[in-house]
PDB file of N, CA and C in Angstrom:
ATOM      1  N   MET A   1      90.783 149.955 152.486  1.00  0.00           N
ATOM      2  CA  MET A   1      91.511 149.073 151.579  1.00  0.00           C
ATOM      3  C   MET A   1      92.893 149.632 151.381  1.00  0.00           C
ATOM      4  N   GLU A   2      93.856 148.811 151.265  1.00  0.00           N
ATOM      5  CA  GLU A   2      95.243 149.231 151.099  1.00  0.00           C
ATOM      6  C   GLU A   2      95.454 149.703 149.685  1.00  0.00           C
ATOM      7  N   ASN A   3      95.723 151.039 149.560  1.00  0.00           N
ATOM      8  CA  ASN A   3      95.910 151.595 148.241  1.00  0.00           C
ATOM      9  C   ASN A   3      97.132 151.071 147.514  1.00  0.00           C
ATOM     10  N   ASN A   4      98.239 150.775 148.272  1.00  0.00           N
ATOM     11  CA  ASN A   4      99.433 150.306 147.622  1.00  0.00           C
ATOM     12  C   ASN A   4      99.288 148.894 147.129  1.00  0.00           C
ATOM     13  N   LYS A   5      98.571 148.074 147.866  1.00  0.00           N
ATOM     14  CA  LYS A   5      98.438 146.686 147.495  1.00  0.00           C
ATOM     15  C   LYS A   5      97.402 146.489 146.397  1.00  0.00           C
ATOM     16  N   TYR A   6      96.359 147.339 146.396  1.00  0.00           N
ATOM     17  CA  TYR A   6      95.270 147.202 145.373  1.00  0.00           C
ATOM     18  C   TYR A   6      95.080 148.586 144.769  1.00  0.00           C
ATOM     19  N   PRO A   7      96.006 149.051 143.959  1.00  0.00           N
ATOM     20  CA  PRO A   7      95.911 150.433 143.430  1.00  0.00           C
ATOM     21  C   PRO A   7      94.709 150.713 142.561  1.00  0.00           C
ATOM     22  N   LEU A   8      94.345 149.752 141.717  1.00  0.00           N
ATOM     23  CA  LEU A   8      93.199 149.988 140.831  1.00  0.00           C
ATOM     24  C   LEU A   8      91.893 149.688 141.576  1.00  0.00           C
ATOM     25  N   LEU A   9      91.887 148.581 142.299  1.00  0.00           N
ATOM     26  CA  LEU A   9      90.659 148.235 143.019  1.00  0.00           C
ATOM     27  C   LEU A   9      90.274 149.300 144.046  1.00  0.00           C
ATOM     28  N   SER A  10      91.203 149.951 144.642  1.00  0.00           N
ATOM     29  CA  SER A  10      90.892 150.945 145.630  1.00  0.00           C
ATOM     30  C   SER A  10      90.208 152.183 145.038  1.00  0.00           C
ATOM     31  N   THR A  11      90.261 152.326 143.717  1.00  0.00           N
ATOM     32  CA  THR A  11      89.595 153.470 143.058  1.00  0.00           C
ATOM     33  C   THR A  11      88.154 153.144 142.710  1.00  0.00           C
ATOM     34  N   ILE A  12      87.704 151.952 142.937  1.00  0.00           N
ATOM     35  CA  ILE A  12      86.336 151.541 142.557  1.00  0.00           C
ATOM     36  C   ILE A  12      85.455 151.516 143.806  1.00  0.00           C
ATOM     37  N   GLU A  13      84.451 152.338 143.759  1.00  0.00           N
ATOM     38  CA  GLU A  13      83.460 152.338 144.826  1.00  0.00           C
ATOM     39  C   GLU A  13      82.058 152.032 144.363  1.00  0.00           C
ATOM     40  N   TYR A  14      81.793 152.349 143.132  1.00  0.00           N
ATOM     41  CA  TYR A  14      80.473 152.149 142.510  1.00  0.00           C
ATOM     42  C   TYR A  14      80.611 151.474 141.180  1.00  0.00           C
ATOM     43  N   PRO A  15      79.557 150.845 140.689  1.00  0.00           N
ATOM     44  CA  PRO A  15      79.623 150.223 139.345  1.00  0.00           C
ATOM     45  C   PRO A  15      80.080 151.217 138.233  1.00  0.00           C
ATOM     46  N   SER A  16      79.677 152.462 138.372  1.00  0.00           N
ATOM     47  CA  SER A  16      80.065 153.443 137.379  1.00  0.00           C
ATOM     48  C   SER A  16      81.563 153.613 137.330  1.00  0.00           C
ATOM     49  N   ASP A  17      82.241 153.461 138.478  1.00  0.00           N
ATOM     50  CA  ASP A  17      83.688 153.563 138.500  1.00  0.00           C
ATOM     51  C   ASP A  17      84.321 152.448 137.669  1.00  0.00           C
ATOM     52  N   LEU A  18      83.761 151.267 137.733  1.00  0.00           N
ATOM     53  CA  LEU A  18      84.275 150.139 136.995  1.00  0.00           C
ATOM     54  C   LEU A  18      84.031 150.333 135.483  1.00  0.00           C
ATOM     55  N   ARG A  19      82.910 150.965 135.159  1.00  0.00           N
ATOM     56  CA  ARG A  19      82.586 151.165 133.746  1.00  0.00           C
ATOM     57  C   ARG A  19      83.517 152.174 133.083  1.00  0.00           C
ATOM     58  N   ARG A  20      84.104 153.070 133.905  1.00  0.00           N
ATOM     59  CA  ARG A  20      84.994 154.087 133.355  1.00  0.00           C
ATOM     60  C   ARG A  20      86.427 153.530 133.035  1.00  0.00           C
ATOM     61  N   LEU A  21      86.706 152.369 133.507  1.00  0.00           N
ATOM     62  CA  LEU A  21      88.031 151.796 133.255  1.00  0.00           C
ATOM     63  C   LEU A  21      88.174 151.385 131.807  1.00  0.00           C
ATOM     64  N   HIS A  22      89.420 151.426 131.354  1.00  0.00           N
ATOM     65  CA  HIS A  22      89.703 150.951 129.992  1.00  0.00           C
ATOM     66  C   HIS A  22      89.688 149.418 130.016  1.00  0.00           C
ATOM     67  N   ILE A  23      89.274 148.810 128.922  1.00  0.00           N
ATOM     68  CA  ILE A  23      89.150 147.373 128.883  1.00  0.00           C
ATOM     69  C   ILE A  23      90.464 146.667 129.205  1.00  0.00           C
ATOM     70  N   ASP A  24      91.591 147.277 128.924  1.00  0.00           N
ATOM     71  CA  ASP A  24      92.924 146.742 129.236  1.00  0.00           C
ATOM     72  C   ASP A  24      93.198 146.653 130.742  1.00  0.00           C
ATOM     73  N   GLN A  25      92.423 147.439 131.529  1.00  0.00           N
ATOM     74  CA  GLN A  25      92.611 147.484 132.969  1.00  0.00           C
ATOM     75  C   GLN A  25      91.820 146.406 133.697  1.00  0.00           C
ATOM     76  N   LEU A  26      90.869 145.834 133.033  1.00  0.00           N
ATOM     77  CA  LEU A  26      89.977 144.848 133.695  1.00  0.00           C
ATOM     78  C   LEU A  26      90.716 143.602 134.176  1.00  0.00           C
ATOM     79  N   PRO A  27      91.700 143.053 133.491  1.00  0.00           N
ATOM     80  CA  PRO A  27      92.422 141.921 134.071  1.00  0.00           C
ATOM     81  C   PRO A  27      93.136 142.267 135.391  1.00  0.00           C
ATOM     82  N   GLN A  28      93.623 143.493 135.475  1.00  0.00           N
ATOM     83  CA  GLN A  28      94.300 143.910 136.689  1.00  0.00           C
ATOM     84  C   GLN A  28      93.258 144.008 137.842  1.00  0.00           C
ATOM     85  N   VAL A  29      92.109 144.537 137.561  1.00  0.00           N
ATOM     86  CA  VAL A  29      91.072 144.620 138.567  1.00  0.00           C
ATOM     87  C   VAL A  29      90.681 143.208 139.055  1.00  0.00           C
ATOM     88  N   CYS A  30      90.562 142.300 138.118  1.00  0.00           N
ATOM     89  CA  CYS A  30      90.249 140.892 138.507  1.00  0.00           C
ATOM     90  C   CYS A  30      91.356 140.296 139.367  1.00  0.00           C
ATOM     91  N   ASP A  31      92.601 140.543 139.002  1.00  0.00           N
ATOM     92  CA  ASP A  31      93.727 140.020 139.789  1.00  0.00           C
ATOM     93  C   ASP A  31      93.732 140.584 141.206  1.00  0.00           C
ATOM     94  N   GLU A  32      93.489 141.895 141.287  1.00  0.00           N
ATOM     95  CA  GLU A  32      93.503 142.590 142.592  1.00  0.00           C
ATOM     96  C   GLU A  32      92.323 142.091 143.475  1.00  0.00           C
ATOM     97  N   LEU A  33      91.145 141.897 142.826  1.00  0.00           N
ATOM     98  CA  LEU A  33      90.020 141.463 143.553  1.00  0.00           C
ATOM     99  C   LEU A  33      90.219 140.040 144.078  1.00  0.00           C
ATOM    100  N   ARG A  34      90.788 139.208 143.246  1.00  0.00           N
ATOM    101  CA  ARG A  34      91.040 137.790 143.668  1.00  0.00           C
ATOM    102  C   ARG A  34      92.024 137.796 144.818  1.00  0.00           C
ATOM    103  N   GLN A  35      93.098 138.564 144.762  1.00  0.00           N
ATOM    104  CA  GLN A  35      94.082 138.628 145.831  1.00  0.00           C
ATOM    105  C   GLN A  35      93.434 139.152 147.091  1.00  0.00           C
ATOM    106  N   LYS A  36      92.589 140.180 147.001  1.00  0.00           N
ATOM    107  CA  LYS A  36      91.892 140.724 148.164  1.00  0.00           C
ATOM    108  C   LYS A  36      91.060 139.645 148.837  1.00  0.00           C
ATOM    109  N   ILE A  37      90.340 138.849 148.053  1.00  0.00           N
ATOM    110  CA  ILE A  37      89.513 137.786 148.648  1.00  0.00           C
ATOM    111  C   ILE A  37      90.374 136.763 149.295  1.00  0.00           C
ATOM    112  N   ILE A  38      91.475 136.374 148.666  1.00  0.00           N
ATOM    113  CA  ILE A  38      92.393 135.426 149.265  1.00  0.00           C
ATOM    114  C   ILE A  38      93.005 135.983 150.565  1.00  0.00           C
ATOM    115  N   ASP A  39      93.376 137.224 150.576  1.00  0.00           N
ATOM    116  CA  ASP A  39      93.903 137.859 151.779  1.00  0.00           C
ATOM    117  C   ASP A  39      92.896 137.834 152.920  1.00  0.00           C
ATOM    118  N   GLU A  40      91.637 138.111 152.601  1.00  0.00           N
ATOM    119  CA  GLU A  40      90.620 138.173 153.641  1.00  0.00           C
ATOM    120  C   GLU A  40      90.295 136.749 154.153  1.00  0.00           C
ATOM    121  N   VAL A  41      90.198 135.787 153.299  1.00  0.00           N
ATOM    122  CA  VAL A  41      89.870 134.424 153.691  1.00  0.00           C
ATOM    123  C   VAL A  41      91.021 133.818 154.503  1.00  0.00           C
ATOM    124  N   SER A  42      92.268 134.278 154.238  1.00  0.00           N
ATOM    125  CA  SER A  42      93.404 133.705 154.955  1.00  0.00           C
ATOM    126  C   SER A  42      93.432 134.130 156.449  1.00  0.00           C
ATOM    127  N   VAL A  43      92.759 135.202 156.797  1.00  0.00           N
ATOM    128  CA  VAL A  43      92.785 135.669 158.201  1.00  0.00           C
ATOM    129  C   VAL A  43      91.394 135.594 158.847  1.00  0.00           C
ATOM    130  N   ASN A  44      90.403 135.347 158.072  1.00  0.00           N
ATOM    131  CA  ASN A  44      89.016 135.197 158.585  1.00  0.00           C
ATOM    132  C   ASN A  44      88.459 133.852 158.142  1.00  0.00           C
ATOM    133  N   PRO A  45      87.684 133.180 158.976  1.00  0.00           N
ATOM    134  CA  PRO A  45      87.128 131.915 158.601  1.00  0.00           C
ATOM    135  C   PRO A  45      86.332 132.033 157.279  1.00  0.00           C
ATOM    136  N   GLY A  46      86.474 131.047 156.466  1.00  0.00           N
ATOM    137  CA  GLY A  46      85.693 131.030 155.221  1.00  0.00           C
ATOM    138  C   GLY A  46      86.259 130.014 154.277  1.00  0.00           C
ATOM    139  N   HIS A  47      85.648 130.000 153.121  1.00  0.00           N
ATOM    140  CA  HIS A  47      86.002 129.024 152.097  1.00  0.00           C
ATOM    141  C   HIS A  47      86.041 129.734 150.768  1.00  0.00           C
ATOM    142  N   PHE A  48      87.067 129.457 150.017  1.00  0.00           N
ATOM    143  CA  PHE A  48      87.231 130.068 148.694  1.00  0.00           C
ATOM    144  C   PHE A  48      87.629 129.006 147.670  1.00  0.00           C
ATOM    145  N   ALA A  49      86.716 128.798 146.775  1.00  0.00           N
ATOM    146  CA  ALA A  49      86.947 127.795 145.727  1.00  0.00           C
ATOM    147  C   ALA A  49      86.058 128.103 144.546  1.00  0.00           C
ATOM    148  N   SER A  50      86.398 127.549 143.420  1.00  0.00           N
ATOM    149  CA  SER A  50      85.600 127.800 142.235  1.00  0.00           C
ATOM    150  C   SER A  50      84.207 127.144 142.431  1.00  0.00           C
ATOM    151  N   SER A  51      83.266 127.593 141.718  1.00  0.00           N
ATOM    152  CA  SER A  51      81.903 127.071 141.795  1.00  0.00           C
ATOM    153  C   SER A  51      81.667 125.983 140.740  1.00  0.00           C
ATOM    154  N   TRP A  52      82.715 125.658 140.005  1.00  0.00           N
ATOM    155  CA  TRP A  52      82.623 124.597 138.985  1.00  0.00           C
ATOM    156  C   TRP A  52      82.659 123.256 139.634  1.00  0.00           C
ATOM    157  N   SER A  53      81.853 122.392 139.155  1.00  0.00           N
ATOM    158  CA  SER A  53      81.794 121.027 139.649  1.00  0.00           C
ATOM    159  C   SER A  53      82.659 120.096 138.855  1.00  0.00           C
TER     160      SER A  53
END
């Protein structure tokens, strides 16, 4: 994983790593994770959309 592009996400390997984060860091993790998914889907076949109907 690119450390520069996903600085906080790259520090998470296990659920316990996520639990150690401060609550104020969680929105950043969500943003980085969403961007990582978008980056992957843009170069690999797949579909990314909300599950809401």
